[in-house]
Amino acid sequence: MFQAIWIVVAGLVIGLIAKAIVPGRQSIPLWLTVLLGIIGALIGNFIAAAIGVRHTGGFDWIRHILQVGVAVALVAIVAPMWMSRRSTRPM
């Protein structure tokens, strides 16, 4: 149970950092920000494990940079798609 809460909190933090880095306004809901942050964290962990930097002595800077980087890419891709989807829906 605690691990699930930690995943959501980490997804929120990573997603909010990603939204702050991507230029312009991203009108995506908070739940989507958290979801993109969680996905970014999981993919970033996978990449870090693949290149051998997932567990290092001290703070895992490279792993966290990869997590945020993937989340930034996801926000940059998904935010415009979300906005175009919202603007083309009939009222």
Protein backbone atom coordinates (compact mmCIF):
# COMPACT_ATOMS: atom_id res chain seq x y z
CA MET A 1 0.00 0.00 0.00
CA PHE A 2 2.75 2.44 0.95
CA GLN A 3 4.57 1.75 -2.30
CA ALA A 4 1.46 2.67 -4.34
CA ILE A 5 1.17 5.97 -2.46
CA TRP A 6 4.87 6.64 -3.03
CA ILE A 7 4.47 5.97 -6.78
CA VAL A 8 1.61 8.49 -7.02
CA VAL A 9 3.54 11.12 -5.04
CA ALA A 10 6.66 10.61 -7.17
CA GLY A 11 4.52 10.78 -10.33
CA LEU A 12 3.00 14.05 -9.14
CA VAL A 13 6.39 15.62 -8.41
CA ILE A 14 7.99 14.40 -11.64
CA GLY A 15 4.92 15.41 -13.68
CA LEU A 16 4.84 18.91 -12.17
CA ILE A 17 8.57 19.37 -12.81
CA ALA A 18 8.03 18.23 -16.41
CA LYS A 19 5.14 20.69 -16.87
CA ALA A 20 7.33 23.50 -15.51
CA ILE A 21 10.16 22.68 -17.94
CA VAL A 22 8.04 22.43 -21.10
CA PRO A 23 7.63 25.94 -22.55
CA GLY A 24 4.16 27.39 -22.95
CA ARG A 25 0.97 26.55 -21.16
CA GLN A 26 -0.12 22.94 -20.81
CA SER A 27 -3.81 22.73 -20.06
CA ILE A 28 -3.80 19.12 -19.01
CA PRO A 29 -5.59 17.97 -15.87
CA LEU A 30 -3.74 17.02 -12.71
CA TRP A 31 -4.57 13.33 -13.08
CA LEU A 32 -2.92 13.31 -16.52
CA THR A 33 0.12 15.14 -15.13
CA VAL A 34 0.46 12.45 -12.43
CA LEU A 35 -0.03 9.66 -14.97
CA LEU A 36 2.64 11.09 -17.29
CA GLY A 37 4.98 11.52 -14.32
CA ILE A 38 4.47 7.88 -13.29
CA ILE A 39 5.04 6.64 -16.84
CA GLY A 40 8.11 8.88 -17.15
CA ALA A 41 9.49 7.50 -13.88
CA LEU A 42 8.96 3.89 -14.96
CA ILE A 43 10.53 4.38 -18.39
CA GLY A 44 13.38 6.42 -16.86
CA ASN A 45 14.05 3.60 -14.38
CA PHE A 46 14.08 1.07 -17.22
CA ILE A 47 16.56 3.16 -19.22
CA ALA A 48 18.74 3.69 -16.13
CA ALA A 49 18.79 -0.06 -15.46
CA ALA A 50 19.61 -0.77 -19.10
CA ILE A 51 22.65 1.51 -19.05
CA GLY A 52 23.72 0.40 -15.57
CA VAL A 53 23.11 3.57 -13.52
CA ARG A 54 19.92 2.68 -11.67
CA HIS A 55 21.60 2.01 -8.33
CA THR A 56 24.65 4.08 -7.56
CA GLY A 57 26.33 5.17 -4.35
CA GLY A 58 24.60 8.25 -2.99
CA PHE A 59 21.85 10.13 -4.79
CA ASP A 60 20.90 8.69 -8.19
CA TRP A 61 21.14 11.91 -10.21
CA ILE A 62 21.33 10.23 -13.60
CA ARG A 63 18.27 8.08 -12.92
CA HIS A 64 16.22 11.07 -11.79
CA ILE A 65 17.35 13.16 -14.75
CA LEU A 66 16.26 10.33 -17.06
CA GLN A 67 12.88 10.10 -15.29
CA VAL A 68 12.23 13.84 -15.61
CA GLY A 69 13.53 13.86 -19.20
CA VAL A 70 11.12 11.14 -20.26
CA ALA A 71 8.25 12.90 -18.45
CA VAL A 72 9.14 16.19 -20.21
CA ALA A 73 9.00 14.42 -23.57
CA LEU A 74 5.65 12.86 -22.67
CA VAL A 75 4.17 16.20 -21.56
CA ALA A 76 5.48 17.87 -24.73
CA ILE A 77 3.82 15.18 -26.86
CA VAL A 78 0.56 14.65 -24.95
CA ALA A 79 -0.36 18.26 -23.99
CA PRO A 80 -0.94 19.45 -27.60
CA MET A 81 -2.86 16.25 -28.35
CA TRP A 82 -5.03 16.85 -25.26
CA MET A 83 -5.71 20.45 -26.31
CA SER A 84 -6.59 19.51 -29.90
CA ARG A 85 -8.89 16.78 -28.61
CA ARG A 86 -10.64 19.24 -26.30
CA SER A 87 -11.06 21.89 -29.01
CA THR A 88 -12.48 19.53 -31.66
CA ARG A 89 -15.12 17.93 -29.42
CA PRO A 90 -18.68 18.98 -30.26
CA MET A 91 -20.49 20.83 -27.48
